[in-house]
C-alpha cells in the first residue's frame, strides 16, 4: 500500500502507525518539525520507502538521512534514493542490496 500526502500542511503523523500494510509514504512539503513524529512510523513492519523532503526536519541532508535510517532501519529508499546514498560521493554503490560497507 502506498500513501501520498505531499503538500498538505501536515504536522503530526501519529495516526499512521496503524497502517500495518503501508510500504510507501510520501509526505514531502508538509510541516513535520519533530523527530518524535517519525518514530511513530517505526511500528510499521512493511514500510520500506519514505519521502520527507521540504519538511522542517529536513535540515542538512546528511544528518537528515542518517537520522531517518536510525529511526527507521528497515527503510530501503529515502526521498527516491537508496537509504545508504550519500550526497557528493560519485563512487558509491546505489544498488538496493548494498549495505554501504567496503568488502
Protein backbone atom coordinates (compact mmCIF):
# COMPACT_ATOMS: atom_id res chain seq x y z
CA UNK A 1 0.00 0.00 0.00
CA UNK A 2 1.24 3.49 -0.85
CA UNK A 3 0.15 6.81 0.59
CA UNK A 4 0.87 10.20 -0.99
CA UNK A 5 0.35 13.05 1.48
CA UNK A 6 2.60 15.60 -0.23
CA UNK A 7 1.90 19.31 0.23
CA UNK A 8 -0.86 19.18 2.88
CA UNK A 9 0.47 21.21 5.84
CA UNK A 10 0.59 18.07 7.98
CA UNK A 11 2.31 18.46 11.36
CA UNK A 12 1.54 15.14 13.04
CA UNK A 13 1.56 11.61 11.66
CA UNK A 14 0.98 9.50 14.78
CA UNK A 15 -2.27 8.04 13.40
CA UNK A 16 -0.40 6.45 10.50
CA UNK A 17 1.13 3.92 12.90
CA UNK A 18 -1.98 1.75 12.46
CA UNK A 19 -1.43 1.23 8.71
CA UNK A 20 0.47 -2.05 9.08
CA UNK A 21 0.49 -2.75 5.31
CA UNK A 22 1.92 0.64 4.37
CA UNK A 23 5.03 0.18 2.19
CA UNK A 24 5.49 3.65 0.70
CA UNK A 25 4.87 7.00 2.38
CA UNK A 26 5.39 10.27 0.53
CA UNK A 27 4.91 13.21 2.82
CA UNK A 28 7.03 15.95 1.21
CA UNK A 29 6.29 19.66 1.62
CA UNK A 30 4.49 19.45 4.96
CA UNK A 31 5.15 20.86 8.43
CA UNK A 32 6.71 17.90 10.24
CA UNK A 33 9.16 19.51 12.66
CA UNK A 34 9.57 16.91 15.39
CA UNK A 35 11.55 13.68 15.09
CA UNK A 36 9.15 12.00 17.52
CA UNK A 37 6.57 12.04 14.71
CA UNK A 38 8.90 9.95 12.54
CA UNK A 39 9.36 7.50 15.42
CA UNK A 40 5.68 6.53 15.17
CA UNK A 41 6.47 5.03 11.77
CA UNK A 42 8.93 2.55 13.29
CA UNK A 43 5.88 0.45 14.21
CA UNK A 44 5.08 -0.15 10.53
CA UNK A 45 6.62 -3.52 9.59
CA UNK A 46 6.17 -3.17 5.81
CA UNK A 47 7.43 0.42 5.41
CA UNK A 48 10.41 0.47 3.02
CA UNK A 49 10.12 3.73 1.04
CA UNK A 50 9.72 7.21 2.56
CA UNK A 51 9.99 10.81 1.39
CA UNK A 52 10.15 13.72 3.85
CA UNK A 53 11.90 16.40 1.79
CA UNK A 54 10.92 20.02 2.41
CA UNK A 55 9.64 19.44 5.95
CA UNK A 56 11.24 21.33 8.86
CA UNK A 57 13.04 18.10 9.90
CA UNK A 58 14.89 18.20 6.57
CA UNK A 59 17.94 20.13 7.75
CA UNK A 60 21.30 19.24 6.28
CA UNK A 61 20.73 16.27 4.04
CA UNK A 62 23.48 14.12 5.59
CA UNK A 63 22.11 14.49 9.14
CA UNK A 64 18.55 14.05 7.96
CA UNK A 65 19.23 10.81 6.07
CA UNK A 66 21.26 9.36 8.94
CA UNK A 67 18.52 10.20 11.42
CA UNK A 68 15.85 8.57 9.21
CA UNK A 69 17.99 5.41 9.00
CA UNK A 70 18.40 5.36 12.79
CA UNK A 71 14.68 5.67 13.44
CA UNK A 72 13.51 3.52 10.50
CA UNK A 73 16.24 0.90 9.94
CA UNK A 74 14.08 -1.24 7.61
CA UNK A 75 13.62 1.58 5.10
CA UNK A 76 15.35 0.89 1.78
CA UNK A 77 14.64 4.20 0.00
CA UNK A 78 14.64 7.76 1.31
CA UNK A 79 13.43 10.56 -0.97
CA UNK A 80 13.73 8.35 -4.04
CA UNK A 81 17.33 7.24 -3.39
CA UNK A 82 18.67 4.07 -1.77
CA UNK A 83 18.81 4.56 2.00
CA UNK A 84 22.62 4.27 2.02
CA UNK A 85 23.08 7.04 -0.60
CA UNK A 86 25.43 9.84 0.43
CA UNK A 87 25.37 13.22 -1.27
CA UNK A 88 28.56 14.07 -3.12
CA UNK A 89 30.03 10.56 -3.38
CA UNK A 90 30.26 9.74 -7.12
CA UNK A 91 31.75 6.26 -6.49
CA UNK A 92 29.08 4.83 -4.24
CA UNK A 93 27.12 1.69 -4.99
CA UNK A 94 23.47 2.67 -5.41
CA UNK A 95 22.09 -0.85 -5.63
CA UNK A 96 19.32 -1.83 -3.22
CA UNK A 97 21.41 -4.74 -1.87
CA UNK A 98 24.42 -2.67 -0.86
CA UNK A 99 24.80 -2.05 2.86
CA UNK A 100 27.31 0.74 2.30
CA UNK A 101 30.28 -1.21 3.66
CA UNK A 102 33.55 -1.93 1.90
CA UNK A 103 34.45 -5.57 1.34
